[in-house]
PDB file of N, CA and C in Angstrom:
ATOM      1  N   MET A   1       0.839  -1.191   0.000  1.00  0.00           N
ATOM      2  CA  MET A   1       0.000   0.000   0.000  1.00  0.00           C
ATOM      3  C   MET A   1       0.876   1.245   0.000  1.00  0.00           C
ATOM      4  N   PRO A   2       0.371   2.308  -0.559  1.00  0.00           N
ATOM      5  CA  PRO A   2       1.157   3.547  -0.598  1.00  0.00           C
ATOM      6  C   PRO A   2       1.567   4.093   0.765  1.00  0.00           C
ATOM      7  N   ASN A   3       0.884   3.696   1.835  1.00  0.00           N
ATOM      8  CA  ASN A   3       1.275   4.221   3.150  1.00  0.00           C
ATOM      9  C   ASN A   3       2.403   3.402   3.796  1.00  0.00           C
ATOM     10  N   ASN A   4       2.858   2.362   3.120  1.00  0.00           N
ATOM     11  CA  ASN A   4       3.945   1.504   3.609  1.00  0.00           C
ATOM     12  C   ASN A   4       3.660   0.909   4.983  1.00  0.00           C
ATOM     13  N   GLN A   5       2.409   0.800   5.355  1.00  0.00           N
ATOM     14  CA  GLN A   5       2.023   0.202   6.632  1.00  0.00           C
ATOM     15  C   GLN A   5       1.052  -0.954   6.431  1.00  0.00           C
ATOM     16  N   ASP A   6       0.075  -0.765   5.570  1.00  0.00           N
ATOM     17  CA  ASP A   6      -0.949  -1.771   5.347  1.00  0.00           C
ATOM     18  C   ASP A   6      -0.543  -2.692   4.202  1.00  0.00           C
ATOM     19  N   VAL A   7      -1.010  -3.920   4.280  1.00  0.00           N
ATOM     20  CA  VAL A   7      -0.769  -4.882   3.211  1.00  0.00           C
ATOM     21  C   VAL A   7      -1.793  -4.624   2.118  1.00  0.00           C
ATOM     22  N   GLY A   8      -1.370  -4.709   0.888  1.00  0.00           N
ATOM     23  CA  GLY A   8      -2.308  -4.531  -0.205  1.00  0.00           C
ATOM     24  C   GLY A   8      -1.646  -3.908  -1.413  1.00  0.00           C
ATOM     25  N   ASN A   9      -2.474  -3.511  -2.352  1.00  0.00           N
ATOM     26  CA  ASN A   9      -1.976  -2.919  -3.584  1.00  0.00           C
ATOM     27  C   ASN A   9      -2.724  -1.626  -3.872  1.00  0.00           C
ATOM     28  N   LEU A  10      -2.501  -1.066  -5.012  1.00  0.00           N
ATOM     29  CA  LEU A  10      -3.111   0.214  -5.362  1.00  0.00           C
ATOM     30  C   LEU A  10      -4.632   0.156  -5.309  1.00  0.00           C
ATOM     31  N   GLU A  11      -5.202  -0.965  -5.721  1.00  0.00           N
ATOM     32  CA  GLU A  11      -6.653  -1.098  -5.696  1.00  0.00           C
ATOM     33  C   GLU A  11      -7.197  -1.065  -4.262  1.00  0.00           C
ATOM     34  N   ASP A  12      -6.467  -1.672  -3.325  1.00  0.00           N
ATOM     35  CA  ASP A  12      -6.877  -1.615  -1.920  1.00  0.00           C
ATOM     36  C   ASP A  12      -6.868  -0.166  -1.424  1.00  0.00           C
ATOM     37  N   PHE A  13      -5.858   0.572  -1.820  1.00  0.00           N
ATOM     38  CA  PHE A  13      -5.746   1.985  -1.476  1.00  0.00           C
ATOM     39  C   PHE A  13      -6.954   2.756  -2.029  1.00  0.00           C
ATOM     40  N   CYS A  14      -7.290   2.493  -3.280  1.00  0.00           N
ATOM     41  CA  CYS A  14      -8.404   3.201  -3.918  1.00  0.00           C
ATOM     42  C   CYS A  14      -9.749   2.811  -3.307  1.00  0.00           C
ATOM     43  N   LEU A  15      -9.896   1.575  -2.849  1.00  0.00           N
ATOM     44  CA  LEU A  15     -11.128   1.171  -2.170  1.00  0.00           C
ATOM     45  C   LEU A  15     -11.387   2.036  -0.950  1.00  0.00           C
ATOM     46  N   GLU A  16     -10.321   2.475  -0.303  1.00  0.00           N
ATOM     47  CA  GLU A  16     -10.452   3.328   0.881  1.00  0.00           C
ATOM     48  C   GLU A  16     -11.019   4.702   0.535  1.00  0.00           C
ATOM     49  N   MET A  17     -10.983   5.059  -0.746  1.00  0.00           N
ATOM     50  CA  MET A  17     -11.495   6.360  -1.170  1.00  0.00           C
ATOM     51  C   MET A  17     -12.954   6.301  -1.614  1.00  0.00           C
ATOM     52  N   MET A  18     -13.567   5.125  -1.490  1.00  0.00           N
ATOM     53  CA  MET A  18     -14.994   4.984  -1.770  1.00  0.00           C
ATOM     54  C   MET A  18     -15.772   5.249  -0.486  1.00  0.00           C
ATOM     55  N   THR A  19     -17.035   5.615  -0.624  1.00  0.00           N
ATOM     56  CA  THR A  19     -17.866   5.701   0.570  1.00  0.00           C
ATOM     57  C   THR A  19     -18.045   4.279   1.099  1.00  0.00           C
ATOM     58  N   LEU A  20     -18.246   4.145   2.390  1.00  0.00           N
ATOM     59  CA  LEU A  20     -18.439   2.811   2.974  1.00  0.00           C
ATOM     60  C   LEU A  20     -19.656   2.122   2.366  1.00  0.00           C
ATOM     61  N   GLU A  21     -20.718   2.888   2.142  1.00  0.00           N
ATOM     62  CA  GLU A  21     -21.928   2.315   1.552  1.00  0.00           C
ATOM     63  C   GLU A  21     -21.651   1.746   0.164  1.00  0.00           C
ATOM     64  N   HIS A  22     -20.966   2.495  -0.673  1.00  0.00           N
ATOM     65  CA  HIS A  22     -20.655   2.028  -2.033  1.00  0.00           C
ATOM     66  C   HIS A  22     -19.694   0.844  -1.993  1.00  0.00           C
ATOM     67  N   ARG A  23     -18.728   0.923  -1.103  1.00  0.00           N
ATOM     68  CA  ARG A  23     -17.747  -0.169  -1.013  1.00  0.00           C
ATOM     69  C   ARG A  23     -18.408  -1.474  -0.573  1.00  0.00           C
ATOM     70  N   HIS A  24     -19.213  -1.423   0.474  1.00  0.00           N
ATOM     71  CA  HIS A  24     -19.873  -2.636   0.962  1.00  0.00           C
ATOM     72  C   HIS A  24     -20.829  -3.208  -0.089  1.00  0.00           C
ATOM     73  N   TYR A  25     -21.559  -2.340  -0.741  1.00  0.00           N
ATOM     74  CA  TYR A  25     -22.493  -2.790  -1.778  1.00  0.00           C
ATOM     75  C   TYR A  25     -21.740  -3.483  -2.908  1.00  0.00           C
ATOM     76  N   THR A  26     -20.684  -2.834  -3.406  1.00  0.00           N
ATOM     77  CA  THR A  26     -19.921  -3.392  -4.517  1.00  0.00           C
ATOM     78  C   THR A  26     -19.251  -4.698  -4.117  1.00  0.00           C
ATOM     79  N   GLU A  27     -18.657  -4.750  -2.927  1.00  0.00           N
ATOM     80  CA  GLU A  27     -18.025  -5.991  -2.456  1.00  0.00           C
ATOM     81  C   GLU A  27     -19.045  -7.120  -2.361  1.00  0.00           C
ATOM     82  N   THR A  28     -20.244  -6.808  -1.887  1.00  0.00           N
ATOM     83  CA  THR A  28     -21.289  -7.824  -1.774  1.00  0.00           C
ATOM     84  C   THR A  28     -21.656  -8.380  -3.138  1.00  0.00           C
ATOM     85  N   ILE A  29     -21.826  -7.502  -4.114  1.00  0.00           N
ATOM     86  CA  ILE A  29     -22.177  -7.929  -5.473  1.00  0.00           C
ATOM     87  C   ILE A  29     -21.071  -8.803  -6.058  1.00  0.00           C
ATOM     88  N   VAL A  30     -19.817  -8.366  -5.921  1.00  0.00           N
ATOM     89  CA  VAL A  30     -18.691  -9.112  -6.493  1.00  0.00           C
ATOM     90  C   VAL A  30     -18.528 -10.461  -5.795  1.00  0.00           C
ATOM     91  N   LYS A  31     -18.645 -10.485  -4.477  1.00  0.00           N
ATOM     92  CA  LYS A  31     -18.527 -11.754  -3.734  1.00  0.00           C
ATOM     93  C   LYS A  31     -19.674 -12.702  -4.083  1.00  0.00           C
ATOM     94  N   THR A  32     -20.869 -12.173  -4.277  1.00  0.00           N
ATOM     95  CA  THR A  32     -22.003 -13.000  -4.674  1.00  0.00           C
ATOM     96  C   THR A  32     -21.762 -13.609  -6.049  1.00  0.00           C
ATOM     97  N   ALA A  33     -21.276 -12.797  -6.976  1.00  0.00           N
ATOM     98  CA  ALA A  33     -20.958 -13.300  -8.316  1.00  0.00           C
ATOM     99  C   ALA A  33     -19.877 -14.386  -8.237  1.00  0.00           C
ATOM    100  N   GLN A  34     -18.916 -14.195  -7.360  1.00  0.00           N
ATOM    101  CA  GLN A  34     -17.848 -15.177  -7.182  1.00  0.00           C
ATOM    102  C   GLN A  34     -18.424 -16.487  -6.633  1.00  0.00           C
ATOM    103  N   LEU A  35     -19.250 -16.401  -5.598  1.00  0.00           N
ATOM    104  CA  LEU A  35     -19.853 -17.599  -4.997  1.00  0.00           C
ATOM    105  C   LEU A  35     -20.779 -18.322  -5.969  1.00  0.00           C
ATOM    106  N   ASP A  36     -21.423 -17.567  -6.858  1.00  0.00           N
ATOM    107  CA  ASP A  36     -22.323 -18.164  -7.847  1.00  0.00           C
ATOM    108  C   ASP A  36     -21.577 -18.714  -9.066  1.00  0.00           C
ATOM    109  N   GLY A  37     -20.261 -18.639  -9.049  1.00  0.00           N
ATOM    110  CA  GLY A  37     -19.464 -19.182 -10.149  1.00  0.00           C
ATOM    111  C   GLY A  37     -19.477 -18.320 -11.395  1.00  0.00           C
ATOM    112  N   MET A  38     -19.781 -17.058 -11.244  1.00  0.00           N
ATOM    113  CA  MET A  38     -19.868 -16.153 -12.390  1.00  0.00           C
ATOM    114  C   MET A  38     -18.551 -15.436 -12.685  1.00  0.00           C
ATOM    115  N   THR A  39     -17.533 -15.682 -11.865  1.00  0.00           N
ATOM    116  CA  THR A  39     -16.247 -15.003 -12.036  1.00  0.00           C
ATOM    117  C   THR A  39     -15.127 -16.037 -12.163  1.00  0.00           C
ATOM    118  N   SER A  40     -13.989 -15.568 -12.595  1.00  0.00           N
ATOM    119  CA  SER A  40     -12.836 -16.465 -12.669  1.00  0.00           C
ATOM    120  C   SER A  40     -11.597 -15.872 -12.009  1.00  0.00           C
ATOM    121  N   PHE A  41     -11.740 -14.705 -11.363  1.00  0.00           N
ATOM    122  CA  PHE A  41     -10.569 -14.092 -10.735  1.00  0.00           C
ATOM    123  C   PHE A  41     -10.183 -14.852  -9.470  1.00  0.00           C
ATOM    124  N   GLN A  42      -8.894 -14.767  -9.129  1.00  0.00           N
ATOM    125  CA  GLN A  42      -8.401 -15.383  -7.901  1.00  0.00           C
ATOM    126  C   GLN A  42      -8.875 -14.548  -6.718  1.00  0.00           C
ATOM    127  N   THR A  43      -9.139 -15.199  -5.601  1.00  0.00           N
ATOM    128  CA  THR A  43      -9.601 -14.495  -4.412  1.00  0.00           C
ATOM    129  C   THR A  43      -8.644 -13.384  -4.013  1.00  0.00           C
ATOM    130  N   SER A  44      -7.363 -13.565  -4.261  1.00  0.00           N
ATOM    131  CA  SER A  44      -6.386 -12.523  -3.922  1.00  0.00           C
ATOM    132  C   SER A  44      -6.584 -11.252  -4.747  1.00  0.00           C
ATOM    133  N   HIS A  45      -7.392 -11.332  -5.799  1.00  0.00           N
ATOM    134  CA  HIS A  45      -7.659 -10.171  -6.653  1.00  0.00           C
ATOM    135  C   HIS A  45      -9.042  -9.576  -6.399  1.00  0.00           C
ATOM    136  N   LEU A  46      -9.625  -9.878  -5.246  1.00  0.00           N
ATOM    137  CA  LEU A  46     -10.950  -9.360  -4.921  1.00  0.00           C
ATOM    138  C   LEU A  46     -10.989  -7.833  -4.944  1.00  0.00           C
ATOM    139  N   SER A  47      -9.962  -7.192  -4.414  1.00  0.00           N
ATOM    140  CA  SER A  47      -9.966  -5.719  -4.408  1.00  0.00           C
ATOM    141  C   SER A  47      -9.925  -5.159  -5.822  1.00  0.00           C
ATOM    142  N   LYS A  48      -9.191  -5.804  -6.710  1.00  0.00           N
ATOM    143  CA  LYS A  48      -9.141  -5.357  -8.102  1.00  0.00           C
ATOM    144  C   LYS A  48     -10.521  -5.507  -8.749  1.00  0.00           C
ATOM    145  N   ALA A  49     -11.152  -6.654  -8.536  1.00  0.00           N
ATOM    146  CA  ALA A  49     -12.480  -6.896  -9.107  1.00  0.00           C
ATOM    147  C   ALA A  49     -13.494  -5.906  -8.543  1.00  0.00           C
ATOM    148  N   THR A  50     -13.377  -5.606  -7.264  1.00  0.00           N
ATOM    149  CA  THR A  50     -14.328  -4.698  -6.616  1.00  0.00           C
ATOM    150  C   THR A  50     -14.194  -3.277  -7.143  1.00  0.00           C
ATOM    151  N   ILE A  51     -12.991  -2.730  -7.140  1.00  0.00           N
ATOM    152  CA  ILE A  51     -12.831  -1.329  -7.557  1.00  0.00           C
ATOM    153  C   ILE A  51     -13.161  -1.159  -9.040  1.00  0.00           C
ATOM    154  N   HIS A  52     -12.758  -2.119  -9.860  1.00  0.00           N
ATOM    155  CA  HIS A  52     -13.024  -1.973 -11.295  1.00  0.00           C
ATOM    156  C   HIS A  52     -14.499  -2.209 -11.620  1.00  0.00           C
ATOM    157  N   SER A  53     -15.196  -3.028 -10.828  1.00  0.00           N
ATOM    158  CA  SER A  53     -16.647  -3.165 -10.993  1.00  0.00           C
ATOM    159  C   SER A  53     -17.319  -1.838 -10.669  1.00  0.00           C
ATOM    160  N   TYR A  54     -16.924  -1.247  -9.559  1.00  0.00           N
ATOM    161  CA  TYR A  54     -17.490   0.044  -9.157  1.00  0.00           C
ATOM    162  C   TYR A  54     -17.246   1.100 -10.236  1.00  0.00           C
ATOM    163  N   LEU A  55     -16.038   1.151 -10.747  1.00  0.00           N
ATOM    164  CA  LEU A  55     -15.722   2.151 -11.779  1.00  0.00           C
ATOM    165  C   LEU A  55     -16.501   1.886 -13.070  1.00  0.00           C
ATOM    166  N   ALA A  56     -16.824   0.629 -13.327  1.00  0.00           N
ATOM    167  CA  ALA A  56     -17.605   0.294 -14.526  1.00  0.00           C
ATOM    168  C   ALA A  56     -19.034   0.806 -14.439  1.00  0.00           C
ATOM    169  N   TRP A  57     -19.523   1.070 -13.236  1.00  0.00           N
ATOM    170  CA  TRP A  57     -20.894   1.531 -13.037  1.00  0.00           C
ATOM    171  C   TRP A  57     -21.024   3.049 -13.092  1.00  0.00           C
ATOM    172  N   GLN A  58     -19.939   3.768 -13.283  1.00  0.00           N
ATOM    173  CA  GLN A  58     -19.964   5.230 -13.234  1.00  0.00           C
ATOM    174  C   GLN A  58     -20.349   5.824 -14.582  1.00  0.00           C
ATOM    175  N   ASP A  59     -20.527   7.146 -14.598  1.00  0.00           N
ATOM    176  CA  ASP A  59     -20.975   7.861 -15.794  1.00  0.00           C
ATOM    177  C   ASP A  59     -20.079   7.578 -17.002  1.00  0.00           C
ATOM    178  N   GLU A  60     -18.795   7.554 -16.792  1.00  0.00           N
ATOM    179  CA  GLU A  60     -17.866   7.169 -17.852  1.00  0.00           C
ATOM    180  C   GLU A  60     -17.221   5.852 -17.412  1.00  0.00           C
ATOM    181  N   PRO A  61     -17.854   4.729 -17.759  1.00  0.00           N
ATOM    182  CA  PRO A  61     -17.391   3.434 -17.271  1.00  0.00           C
ATOM    183  C   PRO A  61     -15.941   3.142 -17.620  1.00  0.00           C
ATOM    184  N   GLY A  62     -15.253   2.522 -16.659  1.00  0.00           N
ATOM    185  CA  GLY A  62     -13.912   2.025 -16.911  1.00  0.00           C
ATOM    186  C   GLY A  62     -12.796   3.042 -16.857  1.00  0.00           C
ATOM    187  N   LYS A  63     -13.046   4.196 -16.267  1.00  0.00           N
ATOM    188  CA  LYS A  63     -11.962   5.178 -16.124  1.00  0.00           C
ATOM    189  C   LYS A  63     -10.818   4.552 -15.342  1.00  0.00           C
ATOM    190  N   PRO A  64      -9.572   4.825 -15.720  1.00  0.00           N
ATOM    191  CA  PRO A  64      -8.440   4.350 -14.927  1.00  0.00           C
ATOM    192  C   PRO A  64      -8.477   4.932 -13.512  1.00  0.00           C
ATOM    193  N   LEU A  65      -7.776   4.297 -12.595  1.00  0.00           N
ATOM    194  CA  LEU A  65      -7.804   4.700 -11.190  1.00  0.00           C
ATOM    195  C   LEU A  65      -7.442   6.168 -10.998  1.00  0.00           C
ATOM    196  N   GLY A  66      -6.356   6.615 -11.571  1.00  0.00           N
ATOM    197  CA  GLY A  66      -5.923   8.002 -11.405  1.00  0.00           C
ATOM    198  C   GLY A  66      -6.951   8.998 -11.922  1.00  0.00           C
ATOM    199  N   GLN A  67      -7.510   8.727 -13.088  1.00  0.00           N
ATOM    200  CA  GLN A  67      -8.534   9.616 -13.646  1.00  0.00           C
ATOM    201  C   GLN A  67      -9.803   9.591 -12.801  1.00  0.00           C
ATOM    202  N   SER A  68     -10.074   8.472 -12.151  1.00  0.00           N
ATOM    203  CA  SER A  68     -11.250   8.376 -11.285  1.00  0.00           C
ATOM    204  C   SER A  68     -11.090   9.247 -10.049  1.00  0.00           C
ATOM    205  N   ILE A  69      -9.874   9.416  -9.600  1.00  0.00           N
ATOM    206  CA  ILE A  69      -9.615  10.317  -8.477  1.00  0.00           C
ATOM    207  C   ILE A  69      -9.787  11.755  -8.943  1.00  0.00           C
ATOM    208  N   THR A  70      -9.186  12.088 -10.080  1.00  0.00           N
ATOM    209  CA  THR A  70      -9.293  13.435 -10.639  1.00  0.00           C
ATOM    210  C   THR A  70     -10.748  13.805 -10.920  1.00  0.00           C
ATOM    211  N   ALA A  71     -11.526  12.847 -11.414  1.00  0.00           N
ATOM    212  CA  ALA A  71     -12.940  13.088 -11.740  1.00  0.00           C
ATOM    213  C   ALA A  71     -13.833  13.054 -10.502  1.00  0.00           C
ATOM    214  N   LYS A  72     -13.239  12.831  -9.342  1.00  0.00           N
ATOM    215  CA  LYS A  72     -13.948  12.800  -8.061  1.00  0.00           C
ATOM    216  C   LYS A  72     -14.932  11.637  -7.929  1.00  0.00           C
ATOM    217  N   VAL A  73     -14.715  10.583  -8.718  1.00  0.00           N
ATOM    218  CA  VAL A  73     -15.469   9.348  -8.530  1.00  0.00           C
ATOM    219  C   VAL A  73     -14.990   8.702  -7.233  1.00  0.00           C
ATOM    220  N   LEU A  74     -13.691   8.809  -6.983  1.00  0.00           N
ATOM    221  CA  LEU A  74     -13.092   8.379  -5.721  1.00  0.00           C
ATOM    222  C   LEU A  74     -12.754   9.634  -4.929  1.00  0.00           C
ATOM    223  N   ASN A  75     -12.930   9.583  -3.629  1.00  0.00           N
ATOM    224  CA  ASN A  75     -12.798  10.767  -2.770  1.00  0.00           C
ATOM    225  C   ASN A  75     -11.364  10.953  -2.278  1.00  0.00           C
ATOM    226  N   SER A  76     -10.668  11.892  -2.871  1.00  0.00           N
ATOM    227  CA  SER A  76      -9.279  12.161  -2.480  1.00  0.00           C
ATOM    228  C   SER A  76      -9.175  12.955  -1.180  1.00  0.00           C
ATOM    229  N   ASN A  77     -10.301  13.325  -0.602  1.00  0.00           N
ATOM    230  CA  ASN A  77     -10.284  14.033   0.681  1.00  0.00           C
ATOM    231  C   ASN A  77     -10.250  13.081   1.879  1.00  0.00           C
ATOM    232  N   LYS A  78     -10.343  11.785   1.619  1.00  0.00           N
ATOM    233  CA  LYS A  78     -10.255  10.808   2.717  1.00  0.00           C
ATOM    234  C   LYS A  78      -8.883  10.892   3.353  1.00  0.00           C
ATOM    235  N   ASP A  79      -8.802  10.559   4.637  1.00  0.00           N
ATOM    236  CA  ASP A  79      -7.535  10.656   5.384  1.00  0.00           C
ATOM    237  C   ASP A  79      -6.395   9.905   4.719  1.00  0.00           C
ATOM    238  N   ILE A  80      -6.673   8.702   4.217  1.00  0.00           N
ATOM    239  CA  ILE A  80      -5.604   7.896   3.624  1.00  0.00           C
ATOM    240  C   ILE A  80      -5.014   8.594   2.392  1.00  0.00           C
ATOM    241  N   ALA A  81      -5.847   9.240   1.602  1.00  0.00           N
ATOM    242  CA  ALA A  81      -5.371   9.951   0.412  1.00  0.00           C
ATOM    243  C   ALA A  81      -4.615  11.214   0.800  1.00  0.00           C
ATOM    244  N   GLN A  82      -5.124  11.934   1.786  1.00  0.00           N
ATOM    245  CA  GLN A  82      -4.456  13.161   2.232  1.00  0.00           C
ATOM    246  C   GLN A  82      -3.088  12.860   2.845  1.00  0.00           C
ATOM    247  N   SER A  83      -2.988  11.768   3.578  1.00  0.00           N
ATOM    248  CA  SER A  83      -1.698  11.371   4.155  1.00  0.00           C
ATOM    249  C   SER A  83      -0.695  11.044   3.050  1.00  0.00           C
ATOM    250  N   PHE A  84      -1.160  10.338   2.031  1.00  0.00           N
ATOM    251  CA  PHE A  84      -0.288   9.993   0.908  1.00  0.00           C
ATOM    252  C   PHE A  84       0.145  11.248   0.160  1.00  0.00           C
ATOM    253  N   LEU A  85      -0.780  12.156  -0.064  1.00  0.00           N
ATOM    254  CA  LEU A  85      -0.462  13.409  -0.744  1.00  0.00           C
ATOM    255  C   LEU A  85       0.548  14.233   0.055  1.00  0.00           C
ATOM    256  N   ALA A  86       0.372  14.288   1.360  1.00  0.00           N
ATOM    257  CA  ALA A  86       1.320  15.019   2.212  1.00  0.00           C
ATOM    258  C   ALA A  86       2.702  14.396   2.133  1.00  0.00           C
ATOM    259  N   TRP A  87       2.776  13.071   2.102  1.00  0.00           N
ATOM    260  CA  TRP A  87       4.066  12.382   1.978  1.00  0.00           C
ATOM    261  C   TRP A  87       4.724  12.710   0.638  1.00  0.00           C
ATOM    262  N   LEU A  88       3.930  12.691  -0.439  1.00  0.00           N
ATOM    263  CA  LEU A  88       4.473  13.030  -1.759  1.00  0.00           C
ATOM    264  C   LEU A  88       5.021  14.454  -1.782  1.00  0.00           C
ATOM    265  N   ARG A  89       4.284  15.366  -1.167  1.00  0.00           N
ATOM    266  CA  ARG A  89       4.741  16.762  -1.130  1.00  0.00           C
ATOM    267  C   ARG A  89       6.052  16.881  -0.349  1.00  0.00           C
ATOM    268  N   ARG A  90       6.115  16.206   0.796  1.00  0.00           N
ATOM    269  CA  ARG A  90       7.357  16.246   1.588  1.00  0.00           C
ATOM    270  C   ARG A  90       8.517  15.655   0.794  1.00  0.00           C
ATOM    271  N   LEU A  91       8.235  14.582   0.086  1.00  0.00           N
ATOM    272  CA  LEU A  91       9.285  13.888  -0.650  1.00  0.00           C
ATOM    273  C   LEU A  91       9.786  14.704  -1.838  1.00  0.00           C
ATOM    274  N   PHE A  92       8.869  15.243  -2.617  1.00  0.00           N
ATOM    275  CA  PHE A  92       9.257  15.870  -3.873  1.00  0.00           C
ATOM    276  C   PHE A  92       9.322  17.397  -3.822  1.00  0.00           C
ATOM    277  N   VAL A  93       8.450  18.041  -3.092  1.00  0.00           N
ATOM    278  CA  VAL A  93       8.422  19.503  -3.084  1.00  0.00           C
ATOM    279  C   VAL A  93       9.435  20.039  -2.100  1.00  0.00           C
ATOM    280  N   GLU A  94       9.388  19.606  -0.867  1.00  0.00           N
ATOM    281  CA  GLU A  94      10.299  20.130   0.144  1.00  0.00           C
ATOM    282  C   GLU A  94      11.760  19.771  -0.161  1.00  0.00           C
ATOM    283  N   GLU A  95      11.943  18.669  -0.849  1.00  0.00           N
ATOM    284  CA  GLU A  95      13.298  18.240  -1.206  1.00  0.00           C
ATOM    285  C   GLU A  95      13.984  19.253  -2.123  1.00  0.00           C
ATOM    286  N   TYR A  96      13.168  19.929  -2.956  1.00  0.00           N
ATOM    287  CA  TYR A  96      13.743  20.833  -3.949  1.00  0.00           C
ATOM    288  C   TYR A  96      13.515  22.296  -3.640  1.00  0.00           C
ATOM    289  N   VAL A  97      13.082  22.620  -2.440  1.00  0.00           N
ATOM    290  CA  VAL A  97      12.868  24.028  -2.058  1.00  0.00           C
ATOM    291  C   VAL A  97      14.106  24.584  -1.437  1.00  0.00           C
TER     292      VAL A  97
END
């Protein structure tokens, strides 16, 4: 994960930028599809299946993760995103000031 503390990948990070209601709903749908044999992804890729399913349901389906943040489909004001942004600023901006 970008915070170097939690286990996971970029998709797990982006799931944290969804509302809890949207995240739980999407996870339920994806897990149900998995249990019903409608999917072929590995369980370790559940976060990828969840975030990309959610993004497929938006006004412009299938936007890449970064563009989904810019388009405010994912909430960059969440604490996890703000912490990551602050780290990036410290790393790249303060380094060159």
